[in-house]
Amino acid sequence: MRIYVRNLSNETTEDDLRKAFESFGQVRFVNIVRDGTTGESQGYGFVTMPLVREAQAAIEKMRGTVLNGQKVEVERARAQAEPQVRRPRRGGLGSRGDRRKGRKGGFGGRSRGRRRY
């Protein structure tokens, strides 16, 4: 289970976070989110624990505790939204007709041949 931890102090390291959560069970992964330019902590991170019951116990016990001088907030991480794949727009007639059949919907079934005016 993935756990979201926020309100982390700038001095908190991945090792600090790992040690705090290892008292509740096995910790598989720890990540503190950092600014890409400066490398400073963004004040939140994630802890992954393989056993759900251990993770739930850690969430309950760690919620509101003080870690490196900051009162941390802990909750189950929400699932990340799937990235949306943009499909290219259809050219041509769109919803007014079917290009493959050679018809235009709503225009009396006239053929697609050369128009005579």
N, C-alpha and C. Protein backbone atom coordinates (compact mmCIF):
# COMPACT_ATOMS: atom_id res chain seq x y z
N MET A 1 0.84 -1.17 0.00
CA MET A 1 0.00 0.00 0.00
C MET A 1 0.89 1.24 0.00
N ARG A 2 0.47 2.23 -0.74
CA ARG A 2 1.23 3.47 -0.84
C ARG A 2 0.64 4.49 0.12
N ILE A 3 1.52 5.15 0.88
CA ILE A 3 1.11 6.09 1.91
C ILE A 3 1.63 7.48 1.55
N TYR A 4 0.76 8.46 1.68
CA TYR A 4 1.11 9.86 1.40
C TYR A 4 1.42 10.55 2.73
N VAL A 5 2.59 11.19 2.81
CA VAL A 5 3.01 11.88 4.03
C VAL A 5 3.29 13.33 3.67
N ARG A 6 2.60 14.27 4.34
CA ARG A 6 2.84 15.68 4.02
C ARG A 6 3.20 16.46 5.28
N ASN A 7 3.60 17.69 5.06
CA ASN A 7 4.07 18.59 6.12
C ASN A 7 5.41 18.12 6.68
N LEU A 8 6.26 17.63 5.78
CA LEU A 8 7.60 17.20 6.18
C LEU A 8 8.52 18.42 6.30
N SER A 9 9.42 18.36 7.25
CA SER A 9 10.41 19.42 7.41
C SER A 9 11.45 19.31 6.30
N ASN A 10 12.11 20.42 5.99
CA ASN A 10 13.14 20.42 4.95
C ASN A 10 14.32 19.53 5.32
N GLU A 11 14.52 19.29 6.62
CA GLU A 11 15.64 18.47 7.08
C GLU A 11 15.35 16.97 7.03
N THR A 12 14.09 16.59 6.82
CA THR A 12 13.73 15.18 6.82
C THR A 12 14.30 14.50 5.57
N THR A 13 14.95 13.36 5.78
CA THR A 13 15.52 12.60 4.68
C THR A 13 14.71 11.32 4.47
N GLU A 14 15.00 10.63 3.37
CA GLU A 14 14.34 9.35 3.10
C GLU A 14 14.66 8.35 4.22
N ASP A 15 15.88 8.39 4.75
CA ASP A 15 16.25 7.48 5.85
C ASP A 15 15.42 7.76 7.10
N ASP A 16 15.20 9.04 7.41
CA ASP A 16 14.38 9.40 8.57
C ASP A 16 12.97 8.84 8.41
N LEU A 17 12.41 9.02 7.22
CA LEU A 17 11.05 8.56 6.95
C LEU A 17 10.98 7.04 7.00
N ARG A 18 11.98 6.39 6.44
CA ARG A 18 12.02 4.92 6.46
C ARG A 18 12.07 4.40 7.90
N LYS A 19 12.94 4.99 8.73
CA LYS A 19 13.06 4.55 10.12
C LYS A 19 11.76 4.75 10.89
N ALA A 20 11.07 5.85 10.62
CA ALA A 20 9.81 6.12 11.32
C ALA A 20 8.74 5.08 10.97
N PHE A 21 8.71 4.64 9.71
CA PHE A 21 7.67 3.69 9.28
C PHE A 21 8.08 2.23 9.48
N GLU A 22 9.38 1.94 9.57
CA GLU A 22 9.82 0.55 9.75
C GLU A 22 9.41 -0.02 11.11
N SER A 23 9.10 0.83 12.05
CA SER A 23 8.66 0.31 13.35
C SER A 23 7.28 -0.36 13.25
N PHE A 24 6.57 -0.16 12.11
CA PHE A 24 5.25 -0.77 11.91
C PHE A 24 5.29 -1.96 10.96
N GLY A 25 6.43 -2.18 10.31
CA GLY A 25 6.53 -3.31 9.39
C GLY A 25 7.54 -3.02 8.29
N GLN A 26 7.53 -3.90 7.28
CA GLN A 26 8.48 -3.78 6.17
C GLN A 26 8.14 -2.58 5.30
N VAL A 27 9.17 -1.82 4.95
CA VAL A 27 9.02 -0.68 4.05
C VAL A 27 9.73 -1.03 2.75
N ARG A 28 9.00 -0.98 1.65
CA ARG A 28 9.57 -1.34 0.36
C ARG A 28 10.23 -0.15 -0.33
N PHE A 29 9.61 1.03 -0.22
CA PHE A 29 10.11 2.18 -0.98
C PHE A 29 9.76 3.47 -0.25
N VAL A 30 10.68 4.44 -0.27
CA VAL A 30 10.47 5.76 0.32
C VAL A 30 10.92 6.81 -0.68
N ASN A 31 10.09 7.83 -0.87
CA ASN A 31 10.45 8.90 -1.80
C ASN A 31 9.95 10.24 -1.25
N ILE A 32 10.87 11.18 -1.07
CA ILE A 32 10.50 12.55 -0.71
C ILE A 32 10.58 13.35 -2.00
N VAL A 33 9.50 14.03 -2.34
CA VAL A 33 9.44 14.79 -3.58
C VAL A 33 10.26 16.06 -3.42
N ARG A 34 11.15 16.29 -4.40
CA ARG A 34 12.06 17.43 -4.33
C ARG A 34 11.92 18.30 -5.57
N ASP A 35 12.25 19.58 -5.41
CA ASP A 35 12.26 20.52 -6.52
C ASP A 35 13.34 20.10 -7.51
N GLY A 36 13.01 20.07 -8.80
CA GLY A 36 13.95 19.62 -9.81
C GLY A 36 15.15 20.54 -9.97
N THR A 37 14.98 21.82 -9.68
CA THR A 37 16.06 22.78 -9.87
C THR A 37 16.94 22.90 -8.64
N THR A 38 16.31 23.13 -7.49
CA THR A 38 17.07 23.40 -6.27
C THR A 38 17.37 22.15 -5.46
N GLY A 39 16.58 21.10 -5.64
CA GLY A 39 16.77 19.88 -4.86
C GLY A 39 16.16 19.95 -3.46
N GLU A 40 15.48 21.05 -3.15
CA GLU A 40 14.85 21.19 -1.84
C GLU A 40 13.58 20.35 -1.76
N SER A 41 13.27 19.90 -0.55
CA SER A 41 12.07 19.12 -0.32
C SER A 41 10.83 19.97 -0.60
N GLN A 42 9.84 19.34 -1.22
CA GLN A 42 8.56 20.00 -1.46
C GLN A 42 7.63 19.86 -0.25
N GLY A 43 8.09 19.16 0.78
CA GLY A 43 7.31 19.03 2.01
C GLY A 43 6.39 17.83 2.04
N TYR A 44 6.49 16.94 1.06
CA TYR A 44 5.67 15.73 1.08
C TYR A 44 6.43 14.59 0.42
N GLY A 45 5.93 13.38 0.69
CA GLY A 45 6.59 12.21 0.13
C GLY A 45 5.68 11.00 0.20
N PHE A 46 6.22 9.86 -0.21
CA PHE A 46 5.45 8.62 -0.25
C PHE A 46 6.25 7.49 0.37
N VAL A 47 5.53 6.62 1.06
CA VAL A 47 6.11 5.41 1.65
C VAL A 47 5.28 4.24 1.13
N THR A 48 5.96 3.20 0.63
CA THR A 48 5.25 2.02 0.15
C THR A 48 5.54 0.86 1.09
N MET A 49 4.45 0.26 1.60
CA MET A 49 4.56 -0.89 2.48
C MET A 49 3.79 -2.05 1.84
N PRO A 50 4.40 -3.24 1.74
CA PRO A 50 3.76 -4.34 1.01
C PRO A 50 2.52 -4.93 1.71
N LEU A 51 2.47 -4.91 3.03
CA LEU A 51 1.34 -5.51 3.74
C LEU A 51 0.33 -4.42 4.15
N VAL A 52 -0.90 -4.61 3.74
CA VAL A 52 -1.95 -3.61 3.97
C VAL A 52 -2.19 -3.39 5.46
N ARG A 53 -2.23 -4.43 6.24
CA ARG A 53 -2.53 -4.25 7.67
C ARG A 53 -1.43 -3.46 8.37
N GLU A 54 -0.17 -3.68 7.96
CA GLU A 54 0.93 -2.91 8.54
C GLU A 54 0.86 -1.45 8.09
N ALA A 55 0.51 -1.24 6.85
CA ALA A 55 0.39 0.12 6.33
C ALA A 55 -0.74 0.87 7.02
N GLN A 56 -1.86 0.21 7.24
CA GLN A 56 -2.99 0.86 7.92
C GLN A 56 -2.63 1.20 9.37
N ALA A 57 -1.90 0.31 10.02
CA ALA A 57 -1.46 0.58 11.39
C ALA A 57 -0.51 1.78 11.41
N ALA A 58 0.38 1.84 10.42
CA ALA A 58 1.33 2.96 10.34
C ALA A 58 0.58 4.28 10.11
N ILE A 59 -0.43 4.26 9.26
CA ILE A 59 -1.20 5.48 8.99
C ILE A 59 -1.86 5.97 10.27
N GLU A 60 -2.50 5.05 11.00
CA GLU A 60 -3.20 5.44 12.23
C GLU A 60 -2.24 5.96 13.29
N LYS A 61 -1.11 5.29 13.47
CA LYS A 61 -0.17 5.67 14.53
C LYS A 61 0.68 6.88 14.18
N MET A 62 1.01 7.05 12.89
CA MET A 62 1.88 8.16 12.49
C MET A 62 1.12 9.48 12.29
N ARG A 63 -0.17 9.40 12.12
CA ARG A 63 -0.97 10.60 11.88
C ARG A 63 -0.83 11.55 13.08
N GLY A 64 -0.33 12.75 12.81
CA GLY A 64 -0.20 13.76 13.86
C GLY A 64 1.05 13.67 14.70
N THR A 65 1.94 12.72 14.42
CA THR A 65 3.18 12.65 15.19
C THR A 65 4.16 13.71 14.70
N VAL A 66 5.14 14.00 15.54
CA VAL A 66 6.15 15.01 15.20
C VAL A 66 7.39 14.30 14.68
N LEU A 67 7.83 14.72 13.48
CA LEU A 67 9.02 14.16 12.85
C LEU A 67 9.92 15.32 12.46
N ASN A 68 11.10 15.38 13.06
CA ASN A 68 12.05 16.47 12.83
C ASN A 68 11.43 17.85 13.05
N GLY A 69 10.64 17.96 14.11
CA GLY A 69 10.07 19.25 14.49
C GLY A 69 8.79 19.64 13.77
N GLN A 70 8.27 18.79 12.90
CA GLN A 70 7.04 19.09 12.17
C GLN A 70 5.99 18.02 12.47
N LYS A 71 4.76 18.46 12.68
CA LYS A 71 3.64 17.55 12.88
C LYS A 71 3.19 17.06 11.50
N VAL A 72 3.42 15.78 11.20
CA VAL A 72 3.14 15.25 9.86
C VAL A 72 1.70 14.78 9.74
N GLU A 73 1.18 14.85 8.52
CA GLU A 73 -0.15 14.34 8.19
C GLU A 73 0.05 13.13 7.29
N VAL A 74 -0.63 12.05 7.61
CA VAL A 74 -0.43 10.77 6.92
C VAL A 74 -1.78 10.23 6.47
N GLU A 75 -1.85 9.76 5.23
CA GLU A 75 -3.07 9.14 4.72
C GLU A 75 -2.73 8.20 3.58
N ARG A 76 -3.67 7.36 3.24
CA ARG A 76 -3.48 6.45 2.11
C ARG A 76 -3.40 7.29 0.83
N ALA A 77 -2.42 6.98 0.00
CA ALA A 77 -2.24 7.73 -1.25
C ALA A 77 -3.37 7.38 -2.21
N ARG A 78 -3.87 8.40 -2.88
CA ARG A 78 -4.91 8.17 -3.89
C ARG A 78 -4.25 7.66 -5.16
N ALA A 79 -5.01 6.90 -5.92
CA ALA A 79 -4.50 6.37 -7.19
C ALA A 79 -4.25 7.53 -8.14
N GLN A 80 -3.15 7.46 -8.82
CA GLN A 80 -2.81 8.50 -9.78
C GLN A 80 -3.67 8.32 -11.02
N ALA A 81 -4.18 9.43 -11.54
CA ALA A 81 -5.02 9.36 -12.73
C ALA A 81 -4.21 8.88 -13.93
N GLU A 82 -4.86 8.08 -14.76
CA GLU A 82 -4.21 7.61 -15.97
C GLU A 82 -4.00 8.79 -16.92
N PRO A 83 -2.85 8.88 -17.55
CA PRO A 83 -2.67 9.96 -18.51
C PRO A 83 -3.62 9.78 -19.69
N GLN A 84 -4.24 10.86 -20.10
CA GLN A 84 -5.18 10.78 -21.20
C GLN A 84 -4.43 10.84 -22.52
N VAL A 85 -4.80 9.94 -23.40
CA VAL A 85 -4.19 9.90 -24.72
C VAL A 85 -5.10 10.68 -25.65
N ARG A 86 -4.54 11.68 -26.27
CA ARG A 86 -5.32 12.48 -27.20
C ARG A 86 -5.34 11.80 -28.55
N ARG A 87 -6.54 11.57 -29.04
CA ARG A 87 -6.66 10.99 -30.37
C ARG A 87 -6.74 12.11 -31.39
N PRO A 88 -6.13 11.92 -32.54
CA PRO A 88 -6.21 12.97 -33.55
C PRO A 88 -7.65 13.11 -34.03
N ARG A 89 -8.01 14.32 -34.37
CA ARG A 89 -9.37 14.57 -34.87
C ARG A 89 -9.52 13.93 -36.24
N ARG A 90 -10.74 13.49 -36.48
CA ARG A 90 -11.04 12.96 -37.81
C ARG A 90 -11.21 14.12 -38.76
N GLY A 91 -10.63 14.00 -39.88
CA GLY A 91 -10.79 15.04 -40.89
C GLY A 91 -12.08 14.82 -41.67
N GLY A 92 -12.41 15.74 -42.50
CA GLY A 92 -13.52 15.54 -43.42
C GLY A 92 -14.86 15.81 -42.82
N LEU A 93 -15.76 14.84 -42.93
CA LEU A 93 -17.17 15.05 -42.64
C LEU A 93 -17.51 14.99 -41.16
N GLY A 94 -16.66 14.43 -40.35
CA GLY A 94 -16.94 14.37 -38.92
C GLY A 94 -18.19 13.59 -38.62
N SER A 95 -19.11 14.18 -37.87
CA SER A 95 -20.32 13.46 -37.47
C SER A 95 -21.44 13.60 -38.48
N ARG A 96 -21.25 14.35 -39.56
CA ARG A 96 -22.35 14.56 -40.52
C ARG A 96 -22.47 13.44 -41.54
N GLY A 97 -21.54 12.55 -41.58
CA GLY A 97 -21.67 11.48 -42.55
C GLY A 97 -20.53 10.49 -42.46
N ASP A 98 -20.60 9.49 -43.25
CA ASP A 98 -19.58 8.46 -43.25
C ASP A 98 -18.83 8.52 -44.57
N ARG A 99 -17.60 8.85 -44.52
CA ARG A 99 -16.77 9.03 -45.69
C ARG A 99 -16.62 7.74 -46.50
N ARG A 100 -16.53 6.63 -45.80
CA ARG A 100 -16.30 5.37 -46.49
C ARG A 100 -17.48 4.96 -47.35
N LYS A 101 -18.69 5.32 -46.94
CA LYS A 101 -19.87 4.93 -47.70
C LYS A 101 -20.17 5.92 -48.82
N GLY A 102 -19.50 7.05 -48.80
CA GLY A 102 -19.72 8.02 -49.85
C GLY A 102 -21.02 8.79 -49.69
N ARG A 103 -21.52 8.86 -48.47
CA ARG A 103 -22.76 9.58 -48.23
C ARG A 103 -22.55 10.68 -47.21
N LYS A 104 -23.38 11.66 -47.31
CA LYS A 104 -23.41 12.71 -46.31
C LYS A 104 -24.74 12.61 -45.61
N GLY A 105 -24.71 12.47 -44.31
CA GLY A 105 -25.96 12.36 -43.57
C GLY A 105 -26.74 13.67 -43.60
N GLY A 106 -28.04 13.57 -43.75
CA GLY A 106 -28.90 14.75 -43.69
C GLY A 106 -28.93 15.59 -44.96
N PHE A 107 -28.35 15.10 -46.06
CA PHE A 107 -28.33 15.88 -47.29
C PHE A 107 -29.01 15.12 -48.43
N GLY A 108 -29.97 14.27 -48.10
CA GLY A 108 -30.74 13.60 -49.13
C GLY A 108 -30.03 12.47 -49.84
N GLY A 109 -28.92 11.99 -49.35
CA GLY A 109 -28.25 10.84 -49.93
C GLY A 109 -27.61 11.13 -51.28
N ARG A 110 -27.32 12.37 -51.58
CA ARG A 110 -26.70 12.74 -52.85
C ARG A 110 -25.33 12.09 -52.95
N SER A 111 -24.93 11.68 -54.11
CA SER A 111 -23.61 11.03 -54.29
C SER A 111 -22.50 12.06 -54.10
N ARG A 112 -21.30 11.56 -53.91
CA ARG A 112 -20.17 12.44 -53.68
C ARG A 112 -19.51 12.87 -54.98
N GLY A 113 -20.06 12.52 -56.05
CA GLY A 113 -19.48 12.88 -57.34
C GLY A 113 -19.46 14.40 -57.54
N ARG A 114 -19.08 14.81 -58.72
CA ARG A 114 -18.98 16.23 -59.04
C ARG A 114 -20.35 16.89 -58.96
N ARG A 115 -20.40 18.00 -58.26
CA ARG A 115 -21.68 18.71 -58.09
C ARG A 115 -21.96 19.54 -59.33
N ARG A 116 -23.20 19.54 -59.67
CA ARG A 116 -23.64 20.38 -60.80
C ARG A 116 -24.55 21.45 -60.27
N TYR A 117 -24.22 22.68 -60.58
CA TYR A 117 -25.03 23.79 -60.07
C TYR A 117 -25.81 24.44 -61.15
